[in-house]
């Protein structure tokens, strides 16, 4: 099976699991993005989480909190949440999926911190 076929299979699985296909596409591969039941945005082809930031959004969020700090705080909260789910999980496949998501979140935090300088 080709790599494209694997992406289509993953997309079909996401739809069967209740995810919604969005009108946005992945900035890396151009594939359609999906919103999972958890609210996370996911690229089936890249198999990773995607964060959508509206173009009109300025550099601050809420009561004077910079966008970067808000994003880092949210990512850390997701890591904490996923860690709780991981500690309660015994199914090896779900442990792997949760570990992959945590790894992706940590990589995002690391990239964010490098961008912030």
PDB file of N, CA and C in Angstrom:
ATOM      1  N   UNK A   1       0.844  -1.171   0.000  1.00  0.00           N
ATOM      2  CA  UNK A   1       0.000   0.000   0.000  1.00  0.00           C
ATOM      3  C   UNK A   1       0.889   1.233   0.000  1.00  0.00           C
ATOM      4  N   UNK A   2       0.506   2.259  -0.772  1.00  0.00           N
ATOM      5  CA  UNK A   2       1.307   3.474  -0.830  1.00  0.00           C
ATOM      6  C   UNK A   2       1.115   4.308   0.422  1.00  0.00           C
ATOM      7  N   UNK A   3       1.997   5.285   0.603  1.00  0.00           N
ATOM      8  CA  UNK A   3       1.925   6.197   1.740  1.00  0.00           C
ATOM      9  C   UNK A   3       0.620   6.988   1.715  1.00  0.00           C
ATOM     10  N   UNK A   4       0.151   7.372   0.507  1.00  0.00           N
ATOM     11  CA  UNK A   4      -1.109   8.100   0.385  1.00  0.00           C
ATOM     12  C   UNK A   4      -2.267   7.236   0.864  1.00  0.00           C
ATOM     13  N   UNK A   5      -2.233   5.945   0.557  1.00  0.00           N
ATOM     14  CA  UNK A   5      -3.287   5.039   1.009  1.00  0.00           C
ATOM     15  C   UNK A   5      -3.349   4.941   2.517  1.00  0.00           C
ATOM     16  N   UNK A   6      -2.184   4.978   3.150  1.00  0.00           N
ATOM     17  CA  UNK A   6      -2.140   4.927   4.611  1.00  0.00           C
ATOM     18  C   UNK A   6      -2.804   6.165   5.195  1.00  0.00           C
ATOM     19  N   UNK A   7      -2.606   7.344   4.588  1.00  0.00           N
ATOM     20  CA  UNK A   7      -3.232   8.578   5.054  1.00  0.00           C
ATOM     21  C   UNK A   7      -4.739   8.520   4.929  1.00  0.00           C
ATOM     22  N   UNK A   8      -5.239   7.981   3.821  1.00  0.00           N
ATOM     23  CA  UNK A   8      -6.673   7.869   3.598  1.00  0.00           C
ATOM     24  C   UNK A   8      -7.287   6.909   4.619  1.00  0.00           C
ATOM     25  N   UNK A   9      -6.593   5.819   4.908  1.00  0.00           N
ATOM     26  CA  UNK A   9      -7.090   4.857   5.897  1.00  0.00           C
ATOM     27  C   UNK A   9      -7.198   5.520   7.270  1.00  0.00           C
ATOM     28  N   UNK A  10      -6.170   6.286   7.645  1.00  0.00           N
ATOM     29  CA  UNK A  10      -6.180   6.991   8.932  1.00  0.00           C
ATOM     30  C   UNK A  10      -7.323   8.011   8.977  1.00  0.00           C
ATOM     31  N   UNK A  11      -7.556   8.719   7.861  1.00  0.00           N
ATOM     32  CA  UNK A  11      -8.651   9.696   7.800  1.00  0.00           C
ATOM     33  C   UNK A  11      -9.999   9.010   8.003  1.00  0.00           C
ATOM     34  N   UNK A  12     -10.168   7.864   7.362  1.00  0.00           N
ATOM     35  CA  UNK A  12     -11.418   7.122   7.511  1.00  0.00           C
ATOM     36  C   UNK A  12     -11.609   6.682   8.962  1.00  0.00           C
ATOM     37  N   UNK A  13     -10.536   6.234   9.600  1.00  0.00           N
ATOM     38  CA  UNK A  13     -10.611   5.835  11.016  1.00  0.00           C
ATOM     39  C   UNK A  13     -10.994   7.016  11.899  1.00  0.00           C
ATOM     40  N   UNK A  14     -10.421   8.180  11.609  1.00  0.00           N
ATOM     41  CA  UNK A  14     -10.760   9.380  12.390  1.00  0.00           C
ATOM     42  C   UNK A  14     -12.246   9.706  12.255  1.00  0.00           C
ATOM     43  N   UNK A  15     -12.758   9.639  11.043  1.00  0.00           N
ATOM     44  CA  UNK A  15     -14.184   9.921  10.825  1.00  0.00           C
ATOM     45  C   UNK A  15     -15.066   8.909  11.545  1.00  0.00           C
ATOM     46  N   UNK A  16     -14.677   7.629  11.489  1.00  0.00           N
ATOM     47  CA  UNK A  16     -15.447   6.594  12.187  1.00  0.00           C
ATOM     48  C   UNK A  16     -15.434   6.802  13.699  1.00  0.00           C
ATOM     49  N   UNK A  17     -14.347   7.374  14.210  1.00  0.00           N
ATOM     50  CA  UNK A  17     -14.242   7.582  15.655  1.00  0.00           C
ATOM     51  C   UNK A  17     -14.948   8.853  16.117  1.00  0.00           C
ATOM     52  N   UNK A  18     -15.563   9.586  15.171  1.00  0.00           N
ATOM     53  CA  UNK A  18     -16.322  10.773  15.552  1.00  0.00           C
ATOM     54  C   UNK A  18     -15.612  12.087  15.313  1.00  0.00           C
ATOM     55  N   UNK A  19     -14.419  12.066  14.708  1.00  0.00           N
ATOM     56  CA  UNK A  19     -13.704  13.303  14.406  1.00  0.00           C
ATOM     57  C   UNK A  19     -14.412  14.030  13.263  1.00  0.00           C
ATOM     58  N   UNK A  20     -14.252  15.359  13.233  1.00  0.00           N
ATOM     59  CA  UNK A  20     -14.838  16.175  12.170  1.00  0.00           C
ATOM     60  C   UNK A  20     -13.735  16.634  11.224  1.00  0.00           C
ATOM     61  N   UNK A  21     -13.998  16.504   9.915  1.00  0.00           N
ATOM     62  CA  UNK A  21     -13.062  17.028   8.935  1.00  0.00           C
ATOM     63  C   UNK A  21     -13.273  18.539   8.869  1.00  0.00           C
ATOM     64  N   UNK A  22     -12.180  19.282   8.912  1.00  0.00           N
ATOM     65  CA  UNK A  22     -12.247  20.737   8.898  1.00  0.00           C
ATOM     66  C   UNK A  22     -11.947  21.288   7.510  1.00  0.00           C
ATOM     67  N   UNK A  23     -12.217  22.567   7.315  1.00  0.00           N
ATOM     68  CA  UNK A  23     -11.926  23.208   6.030  1.00  0.00           C
ATOM     69  C   UNK A  23     -10.469  23.649   5.940  1.00  0.00           C
ATOM     70  N   UNK A  24      -9.699  23.435   6.996  1.00  0.00           N
ATOM     71  CA  UNK A  24      -8.283  23.788   7.023  1.00  0.00           C
ATOM     72  C   UNK A  24      -7.436  22.617   6.547  1.00  0.00           C
ATOM     73  N   UNK A  25      -6.250  22.943   6.035  1.00  0.00           N
ATOM     74  CA  UNK A  25      -5.329  21.877   5.633  1.00  0.00           C
ATOM     75  C   UNK A  25      -4.025  22.010   6.401  1.00  0.00           C
ATOM     76  N   UNK A  26      -3.305  20.910   6.479  1.00  0.00           N
ATOM     77  CA  UNK A  26      -2.034  20.849   7.207  1.00  0.00           C
ATOM     78  C   UNK A  26      -1.006  21.758   6.536  1.00  0.00           C
ATOM     79  N   UNK A  27      -0.326  22.600   7.315  1.00  0.00           N
ATOM     80  CA  UNK A  27       0.687  23.469   6.722  1.00  0.00           C
ATOM     81  C   UNK A  27       1.909  22.700   6.201  1.00  0.00           C
ATOM     82  N   UNK A  28       2.112  21.474   6.666  1.00  0.00           N
ATOM     83  CA  UNK A  28       3.266  20.674   6.238  1.00  0.00           C
ATOM     84  C   UNK A  28       2.986  19.869   4.975  1.00  0.00           C
ATOM     85  N   UNK A  29       1.842  19.160   4.950  1.00  0.00           N
ATOM     86  CA  UNK A  29       1.592  18.223   3.845  1.00  0.00           C
ATOM     87  C   UNK A  29       0.381  18.591   2.983  1.00  0.00           C
ATOM     88  N   UNK A  30      -0.458  19.532   3.446  1.00  0.00           N
ATOM     89  CA  UNK A  30      -1.625  19.951   2.673  1.00  0.00           C
ATOM     90  C   UNK A  30      -2.843  19.065   2.842  1.00  0.00           C
ATOM     91  N   UNK A  31      -2.750  18.032   3.672  1.00  0.00           N
ATOM     92  CA  UNK A  31      -3.872  17.124   3.921  1.00  0.00           C
ATOM     93  C   UNK A  31      -4.954  17.825   4.728  1.00  0.00           C
ATOM     94  N   UNK A  32      -6.207  17.377   4.615  1.00  0.00           N
ATOM     95  CA  UNK A  32      -7.263  17.964   5.451  1.00  0.00           C
ATOM     96  C   UNK A  32      -6.986  17.712   6.927  1.00  0.00           C
ATOM     97  N   UNK A  33      -7.368  18.684   7.750  1.00  0.00           N
ATOM     98  CA  UNK A  33      -7.210  18.531   9.197  1.00  0.00           C
ATOM     99  C   UNK A  33      -8.513  18.051   9.806  1.00  0.00           C
ATOM    100  N   UNK A  34      -8.407  17.382  10.959  1.00  0.00           N
ATOM    101  CA  UNK A  34      -9.558  16.834  11.654  1.00  0.00           C
ATOM    102  C   UNK A  34      -9.586  17.353  13.082  1.00  0.00           C
ATOM    103  N   UNK A  35     -10.802  17.604  13.579  1.00  0.00           N
ATOM    104  CA  UNK A  35     -10.955  17.959  14.983  1.00  0.00           C
ATOM    105  C   UNK A  35     -11.429  16.717  15.717  1.00  0.00           C
ATOM    106  N   UNK A  36     -10.606  16.256  16.669  1.00  0.00           N
ATOM    107  CA  UNK A  36     -10.931  15.082  17.459  1.00  0.00           C
ATOM    108  C   UNK A  36     -11.989  15.432  18.492  1.00  0.00           C
ATOM    109  N   UNK A  37     -12.619  14.421  19.074  1.00  0.00           N
ATOM    110  CA  UNK A  37     -13.619  14.657  20.117  1.00  0.00           C
ATOM    111  C   UNK A  37     -13.047  15.450  21.281  1.00  0.00           C
ATOM    112  N   UNK A  38     -11.745  15.319  21.517  1.00  0.00           N
ATOM    113  CA  UNK A  38     -11.071  16.036  22.603  1.00  0.00           C
ATOM    114  C   UNK A  38     -10.903  17.518  22.285  1.00  0.00           C
ATOM    115  N   UNK A  39     -11.160  17.898  21.022  1.00  0.00           N
ATOM    116  CA  UNK A  39     -10.994  19.285  20.604  1.00  0.00           C
ATOM    117  C   UNK A  39      -9.677  19.534  19.891  1.00  0.00           C
ATOM    118  N   UNK A  40      -8.751  18.582  19.990  1.00  0.00           N
ATOM    119  CA  UNK A  40      -7.459  18.743  19.332  1.00  0.00           C
ATOM    120  C   UNK A  40      -7.625  18.686  17.817  1.00  0.00           C
ATOM    121  N   UNK A  41      -6.765  19.428  17.114  1.00  0.00           N
ATOM    122  CA  UNK A  41      -6.730  19.401  15.659  1.00  0.00           C
ATOM    123  C   UNK A  41      -5.607  18.444  15.261  1.00  0.00           C
ATOM    124  N   UNK A  42      -5.889  17.537  14.325  1.00  0.00           N
ATOM    125  CA  UNK A  42      -4.981  16.443  13.998  1.00  0.00           C
ATOM    126  C   UNK A  42      -4.804  16.314  12.491  1.00  0.00           C
ATOM    127  N   UNK A  43      -3.555  16.080  12.060  1.00  0.00           N
ATOM    128  CA  UNK A  43      -3.268  15.742  10.670  1.00  0.00           C
ATOM    129  C   UNK A  43      -3.095  14.234  10.589  1.00  0.00           C
ATOM    130  N   UNK A  44      -3.956  13.582   9.811  1.00  0.00           N
ATOM    131  CA  UNK A  44      -3.905  12.123   9.695  1.00  0.00           C
ATOM    132  C   UNK A  44      -2.662  11.662   8.934  1.00  0.00           C
ATOM    133  N   UNK A  45      -2.236  12.432   7.956  1.00  0.00           N
ATOM    134  CA  UNK A  45      -1.095  12.019   7.150  1.00  0.00           C
ATOM    135  C   UNK A  45       0.220  12.175   7.927  1.00  0.00           C
ATOM    136  N   UNK A  46       0.397  13.332   8.596  1.00  0.00           N
ATOM    137  CA  UNK A  46       1.621  13.565   9.381  1.00  0.00           C
ATOM    138  C   UNK A  46       1.561  12.872  10.737  1.00  0.00           C
ATOM    139  N   UNK A  47       0.356  12.473  11.136  1.00  0.00           N
ATOM    140  CA  UNK A  47       0.109  11.817  12.423  1.00  0.00           C
ATOM    141  C   UNK A  47       0.614  12.669  13.587  1.00  0.00           C
ATOM    142  N   UNK A  48       0.173  13.944  13.565  1.00  0.00           N
ATOM    143  CA  UNK A  48       0.551  14.842  14.648  1.00  0.00           C
ATOM    144  C   UNK A  48      -0.487  15.931  14.836  1.00  0.00           C
ATOM    145  N   UNK A  49      -0.399  16.554  15.992  1.00  0.00           N
ATOM    146  CA  UNK A  49      -1.302  17.631  16.378  1.00  0.00           C
ATOM    147  C   UNK A  49      -0.914  18.906  15.645  1.00  0.00           C
ATOM    148  N   UNK A  50      -1.929  19.705  15.292  1.00  0.00           N
ATOM    149  CA  UNK A  50      -1.712  20.978  14.609  1.00  0.00           C
ATOM    150  C   UNK A  50      -2.444  22.050  15.400  1.00  0.00           C
ATOM    151  N   UNK A  51      -1.813  23.204  15.551  1.00  0.00           N
ATOM    152  CA  UNK A  51      -2.436  24.337  16.235  1.00  0.00           C
ATOM    153  C   UNK A  51      -2.799  25.371  15.188  1.00  0.00           C
ATOM    154  N   UNK A  52      -4.063  25.783  15.176  1.00  0.00           N
ATOM    155  CA  UNK A  52      -4.526  26.787  14.236  1.00  0.00           C
ATOM    156  C   UNK A  52      -4.590  28.123  14.965  1.00  0.00           C
ATOM    157  N   UNK A  53      -3.888  29.115  14.431  1.00  0.00           N
ATOM    158  CA  UNK A  53      -3.917  30.466  14.982  1.00  0.00           C
ATOM    159  C   UNK A  53      -4.499  31.370  13.901  1.00  0.00           C
ATOM    160  N   UNK A  54      -5.649  31.987  14.175  1.00  0.00           N
ATOM    161  CA  UNK A  54      -6.255  32.868  13.171  1.00  0.00           C
ATOM    162  C   UNK A  54      -5.298  33.995  12.786  1.00  0.00           C
ATOM    163  N   UNK A  55      -5.268  34.344  11.492  1.00  0.00           N
ATOM    164  CA  UNK A  55      -4.377  35.397  11.009  1.00  0.00           C
ATOM    165  C   UNK A  55      -4.667  36.729  11.662  1.00  0.00           C
ATOM    166  N   UNK A  56      -5.915  36.989  11.985  1.00  0.00           N
ATOM    167  CA  UNK A  56      -6.288  38.279  12.549  1.00  0.00           C
ATOM    168  C   UNK A  56      -5.953  38.397  14.032  1.00  0.00           C
ATOM    169  N   UNK A  57      -5.553  37.292  14.657  1.00  0.00           N
ATOM    170  CA  UNK A  57      -5.240  37.325  16.079  1.00  0.00           C
ATOM    171  C   UNK A  57      -3.933  38.067  16.285  1.00  0.00           C
ATOM    172  N   UNK A  58      -3.935  39.050  17.202  1.00  0.00           N
ATOM    173  CA  UNK A  58      -2.692  39.772  17.433  1.00  0.00           C
ATOM    174  C   UNK A  58      -1.816  38.993  18.397  1.00  0.00           C
ATOM    175  N   UNK A  59      -0.717  39.580  18.802  1.00  0.00           N
ATOM    176  CA  UNK A  59       0.283  38.896  19.605  1.00  0.00           C
ATOM    177  C   UNK A  59      -0.074  38.754  21.074  1.00  0.00           C
ATOM    178  N   UNK A  60      -1.287  39.129  21.473  1.00  0.00           N
ATOM    179  CA  UNK A  60      -1.635  38.973  22.881  1.00  0.00           C
ATOM    180  C   UNK A  60      -2.965  38.267  23.023  1.00  0.00           C
ATOM    181  N   UNK A  61      -3.132  37.627  24.177  1.00  0.00           N
ATOM    182  CA  UNK A  61      -4.334  36.866  24.464  1.00  0.00           C
ATOM    183  C   UNK A  61      -4.809  37.255  25.852  1.00  0.00           C
ATOM    184  N   UNK A  62      -6.106  37.390  25.999  1.00  0.00           N
ATOM    185  CA  UNK A  62      -6.656  37.635  27.329  1.00  0.00           C
ATOM    186  C   UNK A  62      -6.188  38.939  27.918  1.00  0.00           C
ATOM    187  N   UNK A  63      -6.022  38.963  29.221  1.00  0.00           N
ATOM    188  CA  UNK A  63      -5.682  40.185  29.956  1.00  0.00           C
ATOM    189  C   UNK A  63      -4.193  40.466  29.874  1.00  0.00           C
ATOM    190  N   UNK A  64      -3.719  40.833  28.696  1.00  0.00           N
ATOM    191  CA  UNK A  64      -2.334  41.224  28.553  1.00  0.00           C
ATOM    192  C   UNK A  64      -1.342  40.072  28.493  1.00  0.00           C
ATOM    193  N   UNK A  65      -1.809  38.835  28.455  1.00  0.00           N
ATOM    194  CA  UNK A  65      -0.901  37.688  28.406  1.00  0.00           C
ATOM    195  C   UNK A  65      -0.433  37.490  26.966  1.00  0.00           C
ATOM    196  N   UNK A  66       0.875  37.478  26.734  1.00  0.00           N
ATOM    197  CA  UNK A  66       1.385  37.260  25.377  1.00  0.00           C
ATOM    198  C   UNK A  66       0.931  35.902  24.826  1.00  0.00           C
ATOM    199  N   UNK A  67       0.729  35.869  23.528  1.00  0.00           N
ATOM    200  CA  UNK A  67       0.302  34.640  22.849  1.00  0.00           C
ATOM    201  C   UNK A  67       1.246  33.482  23.168  1.00  0.00           C
ATOM    202  N   UNK A  68       2.566  33.724  23.155  1.00  0.00           N
ATOM    203  CA  UNK A  68       3.539  32.666  23.389  1.00  0.00           C
ATOM    204  C   UNK A  68       3.357  32.042  24.763  1.00  0.00           C
ATOM    205  N   UNK A  69       3.144  32.895  25.778  1.00  0.00           N
ATOM    206  CA  UNK A  69       2.978  32.382  27.144  1.00  0.00           C
ATOM    207  C   UNK A  69       1.678  31.595  27.277  1.00  0.00           C
ATOM    208  N   UNK A  70       0.622  32.083  26.654  1.00  0.00           N
ATOM    209  CA  UNK A  70      -0.657  31.376  26.685  1.00  0.00           C
ATOM    210  C   UNK A  70      -0.524  30.006  26.009  1.00  0.00           C
ATOM    211  N   UNK A  71       0.134  29.978  24.874  1.00  0.00           N
ATOM    212  CA  UNK A  71       0.320  28.724  24.138  1.00  0.00           C
ATOM    213  C   UNK A  71       1.153  27.735  24.951  1.00  0.00           C
ATOM    214  N   UNK A  72       2.239  28.218  25.559  1.00  0.00           N
ATOM    215  CA  UNK A  72       3.079  27.334  26.366  1.00  0.00           C
ATOM    216  C   UNK A  72       2.301  26.791  27.563  1.00  0.00           C
ATOM    217  N   UNK A  73       1.530  27.654  28.214  1.00  0.00           N
ATOM    218  CA  UNK A  73       0.726  27.227  29.364  1.00  0.00           C
ATOM    219  C   UNK A  73      -0.278  26.158  28.942  1.00  0.00           C
ATOM    220  N   UNK A  74      -0.927  26.351  27.794  1.00  0.00           N
ATOM    221  CA  UNK A  74      -1.900  25.369  27.308  1.00  0.00           C
ATOM    222  C   UNK A  74      -1.240  24.046  26.946  1.00  0.00           C
ATOM    223  N   UNK A  75      -0.077  24.107  26.317  1.00  0.00           N
ATOM    224  CA  UNK A  75       0.640  22.876  25.969  1.00  0.00           C
ATOM    225  C   UNK A  75       1.050  22.105  27.222  1.00  0.00           C
ATOM    226  N   UNK A  76       1.544  22.825  28.226  1.00  0.00           N
ATOM    227  CA  UNK A  76       1.925  22.165  29.476  1.00  0.00           C
ATOM    228  C   UNK A  76       0.715  21.539  30.165  1.00  0.00           C
ATOM    229  N   UNK A  77      -0.433  22.209  30.097  1.00  0.00           N
ATOM    230  CA  UNK A  77      -1.657  21.653  30.684  1.00  0.00           C
ATOM    231  C   UNK A  77      -2.059  20.368  29.963  1.00  0.00           C
ATOM    232  N   UNK A  78      -1.897  20.341  28.641  1.00  0.00           N
ATOM    233  CA  UNK A  78      -2.215  19.131  27.870  1.00  0.00           C
ATOM    234  C   UNK A  78      -1.263  17.988  28.232  1.00  0.00           C
ATOM    235  N   UNK A  79       0.009  18.302  28.407  1.00  0.00           N
ATOM    236  CA  UNK A  79       0.977  17.268  28.809  1.00  0.00           C
ATOM    237  C   UNK A  79       0.562  16.679  30.148  1.00  0.00           C
ATOM    238  N   UNK A  80       0.193  17.539  31.077  1.00  0.00           N
ATOM    239  CA  UNK A  80      -0.237  17.081  32.394  1.00  0.00           C
ATOM    240  C   UNK A  80      -1.478  16.192  32.290  1.00  0.00           C
ATOM    241  N   UNK A  81      -2.434  16.618  31.487  1.00  0.00           N
ATOM    242  CA  UNK A  81      -3.669  15.848  31.292  1.00  0.00           C
ATOM    243  C   UNK A  81      -3.371  14.482  30.669  1.00  0.00           C
ATOM    244  N   UNK A  82      -2.537  14.481  29.626  1.00  0.00           N
ATOM    245  CA  UNK A  82      -2.179  13.227  28.954  1.00  0.00           C
ATOM    246  C   UNK A  82      -1.395  12.303  29.887  1.00  0.00           C
ATOM    247  N   UNK A  83      -0.564  12.879  30.745  1.00  0.00           N
ATOM    248  CA  UNK A  83       0.184  12.087  31.708  1.00  0.00           C
ATOM    249  C   UNK A  83      -0.774  11.347  32.643  1.00  0.00           C
ATOM    250  N   UNK A  84      -1.823  12.024  33.089  1.00  0.00           N
ATOM    251  CA  UNK A  84      -2.825  11.373  33.931  1.00  0.00           C
ATOM    252  C   UNK A  84      -3.513  10.231  33.206  1.00  0.00           C
ATOM    253  N   UNK A  85      -3.837  10.456  31.926  1.00  0.00           N
ATOM    254  CA  UNK A  85      -4.471   9.404  31.128  1.00  0.00           C
ATOM    255  C   UNK A  85      -3.513   8.228  30.934  1.00  0.00           C
ATOM    256  N   UNK A  86      -2.230   8.547  30.710  1.00  0.00           N
ATOM    257  CA  UNK A  86      -1.225   7.514  30.495  1.00  0.00           C
ATOM    258  C   UNK A  86      -1.063   6.634  31.727  1.00  0.00           C
ATOM    259  N   UNK A  87      -1.062   7.240  32.909  1.00  0.00           N
ATOM    260  CA  UNK A  87      -0.860   6.451  34.127  1.00  0.00           C
ATOM    261  C   UNK A  87      -2.035   5.518  34.413  1.00  0.00           C
ATOM    262  N   UNK A  88      -3.218   5.860  33.899  1.00  0.00           N
ATOM    263  CA  UNK A  88      -4.394   5.031  34.134  1.00  0.00           C
ATOM    264  C   UNK A  88      -4.609   3.979  33.034  1.00  0.00           C
ATOM    265  N   UNK A  89      -3.853   4.075  31.943  1.00  0.00           N
ATOM    266  CA  UNK A  89      -4.076   3.207  30.779  1.00  0.00           C
ATOM    267  C   UNK A  89      -3.265   1.925  30.883  1.00  0.00           C
ATOM    268  N   UNK A  90      -3.887   0.794  30.497  1.00  0.00           N
ATOM    269  CA  UNK A  90      -3.172  -0.478  30.494  1.00  0.00           C
ATOM    270  C   UNK A  90      -3.097  -1.109  29.093  1.00  0.00           C
ATOM    271  N   UNK A  91      -3.915  -0.647  28.165  1.00  0.00           N
ATOM    272  CA  UNK A  91      -3.894  -1.166  26.800  1.00  0.00           C
ATOM    273  C   UNK A  91      -2.618  -0.678  26.098  1.00  0.00           C
ATOM    274  N   UNK A  92      -1.752  -1.603  25.669  1.00  0.00           N
ATOM    275  CA  UNK A  92      -0.476  -1.207  25.060  1.00  0.00           C
ATOM    276  C   UNK A  92      -0.625  -0.263  23.860  1.00  0.00           C
ATOM    277  N   UNK A  93      -1.629  -0.474  23.028  1.00  0.00           N
ATOM    278  CA  UNK A  93      -1.822   0.395  21.861  1.00  0.00           C
ATOM    279  C   UNK A  93      -2.172   1.815  22.298  1.00  0.00           C
ATOM    280  N   UNK A  94      -3.033   1.945  23.295  1.00  0.00           N
ATOM    281  CA  UNK A  94      -3.405   3.276  23.783  1.00  0.00           C
ATOM    282  C   UNK A  94      -2.240   3.936  24.519  1.00  0.00           C
ATOM    283  N   UNK A  95      -1.432   3.129  25.207  1.00  0.00           N
ATOM    284  CA  UNK A  95      -0.235   3.666  25.862  1.00  0.00           C
ATOM    285  C   UNK A  95       0.696   4.256  24.803  1.00  0.00           C
ATOM    286  N   UNK A  96       0.864   3.541  23.682  1.00  0.00           N
ATOM    287  CA  UNK A  96       1.714   4.038  22.604  1.00  0.00           C
ATOM    288  C   UNK A  96       1.139   5.322  22.029  1.00  0.00           C
ATOM    289  N   UNK A  97      -0.172   5.361  21.779  1.00  0.00           N
ATOM    290  CA  UNK A  97      -0.799   6.561  21.223  1.00  0.00           C
ATOM    291  C   UNK A  97      -0.632   7.752  22.163  1.00  0.00           C
ATOM    292  N   UNK A  98      -0.875   7.532  23.449  1.00  0.00           N
ATOM    293  CA  UNK A  98      -0.726   8.614  24.425  1.00  0.00           C
ATOM    294  C   UNK A  98       0.731   9.069  24.510  1.00  0.00           C
ATOM    295  N   UNK A  99       1.649   8.119  24.475  1.00  0.00           N
ATOM    296  CA  UNK A  99       3.081   8.457  24.511  1.00  0.00           C
ATOM    297  C   UNK A  99       3.469   9.293  23.296  1.00  0.00           C
ATOM    298  N   UNK A 100       2.935   8.925  22.133  1.00  0.00           N
ATOM    299  CA  UNK A 100       3.221   9.693  20.910  1.00  0.00           C
ATOM    300  C   UNK A 100       2.696  11.122  21.026  1.00  0.00           C
ATOM    301  N   UNK A 101       1.497  11.275  21.565  1.00  0.00           N
ATOM    302  CA  UNK A 101       0.914  12.615  21.722  1.00  0.00           C
ATOM    303  C   UNK A 101       1.747  13.429  22.712  1.00  0.00           C
ATOM    304  N   UNK A 102       2.133  12.816  23.826  1.00  0.00           N
ATOM    305  CA  UNK A 102       2.956  13.515  24.816  1.00  0.00           C
ATOM    306  C   UNK A 102       4.282  13.934  24.186  1.00  0.00           C
ATOM    307  N   UNK A 103       4.892  13.052  23.430  1.00  0.00           N
ATOM    308  CA  UNK A 103       6.149  13.372  22.761  1.00  0.00           C
ATOM    309  C   UNK A 103       5.977  14.549  21.805  1.00  0.00           C
ATOM    310  N   UNK A 104       4.884  14.551  21.064  1.00  0.00           N
ATOM    311  CA  UNK A 104       4.598  15.649  20.141  1.00  0.00           C
ATOM    312  C   UNK A 104       4.379  16.964  20.884  1.00  0.00           C
ATOM    313  N   UNK A 105       3.663  16.903  21.999  1.00  0.00           N
ATOM    314  CA  UNK A 105       3.434  18.105  22.804  1.00  0.00           C
ATOM    315  C   UNK A 105       4.752  18.651  23.346  1.00  0.00           C
ATOM    316  N   UNK A 106       5.604  17.759  23.844  1.00  0.00           N
ATOM    317  CA  UNK A 106       6.889  18.195  24.384  1.00  0.00           C
ATOM    318  C   UNK A 106       7.769  18.802  23.290  1.00  0.00           C
ATOM    319  N   UNK A 107       7.728  18.222  22.098  1.00  0.00           N
ATOM    320  CA  UNK A 107       8.480  18.785  20.974  1.00  0.00           C
ATOM    321  C   UNK A 107       7.949  20.173  20.613  1.00  0.00           C
ATOM    322  N   UNK A 108       6.638  20.343  20.685  1.00  0.00           N
ATOM    323  CA  UNK A 108       6.042  21.652  20.406  1.00  0.00           C
ATOM    324  C   UNK A 108       6.484  22.686  21.443  1.00  0.00           C
ATOM    325  N   UNK A 109       6.519  22.276  22.700  1.00  0.00           N
ATOM    326  CA  UNK A 109       6.977  23.183  23.760  1.00  0.00           C
ATOM    327  C   UNK A 109       8.433  23.579  23.510  1.00  0.00           C
ATOM    328  N   UNK A 110       9.254  22.604  23.145  1.00  0.00           N
ATOM    329  CA  UNK A 110      10.663  22.880  22.876  1.00  0.00           C
ATOM    330  C   UNK A 110      10.819  23.855  21.705  1.00  0.00           C
ATOM    331  N   UNK A 111      10.066  23.644  20.620  1.00  0.00           N
ATOM    332  CA  UNK A 111      10.125  24.552  19.467  1.00  0.00           C
ATOM    333  C   UNK A 111       9.656  25.945  19.856  1.00  0.00           C
ATOM    334  N   UNK A 112       8.585  26.012  20.623  1.00  0.00           N
ATOM    335  CA  UNK A 112       8.052  27.300  21.074  1.00  0.00           C
ATOM    336  C   UNK A 112       9.093  28.056  21.882  1.00  0.00           C
ATOM    337  N   UNK A 113       9.757  27.375  22.792  1.00  0.00           N
ATOM    338  CA  UNK A 113      10.777  28.021  23.620  1.00  0.00           C
ATOM    339  C   UNK A 113      11.965  28.498  22.779  1.00  0.00           C
ATOM    340  N   UNK A 114      12.310  27.742  21.734  1.00  0.00           N
ATOM    341  CA  UNK A 114      13.394  28.188  20.832  1.00  0.00           C
ATOM    342  C   UNK A 114      12.962  29.436  20.065  1.00  0.00           C
ATOM    343  N   UNK A 115      11.700  29.458  19.617  1.00  0.00           N
ATOM    344  CA  UNK A 115      11.191  30.618  18.887  1.00  0.00           C
ATOM    345  C   UNK A 115      11.136  31.870  19.753  1.00  0.00           C
ATOM    346  N   UNK A 116      10.767  31.667  21.021  1.00  0.00           N
ATOM    347  CA  UNK A 116      10.690  32.792  21.949  1.00  0.00           C
ATOM    348  C   UNK A 116      12.069  33.382  22.191  1.00  0.00           C
ATOM    349  N   UNK A 117      13.089  32.529  22.076  1.00  0.00           N
ATOM    350  CA  UNK A 117      14.465  32.987  22.259  1.00  0.00           C
ATOM    351  C   UNK A 117      14.770  33.174  23.669  1.00  0.00           C
TER     352      UNK A 117
END
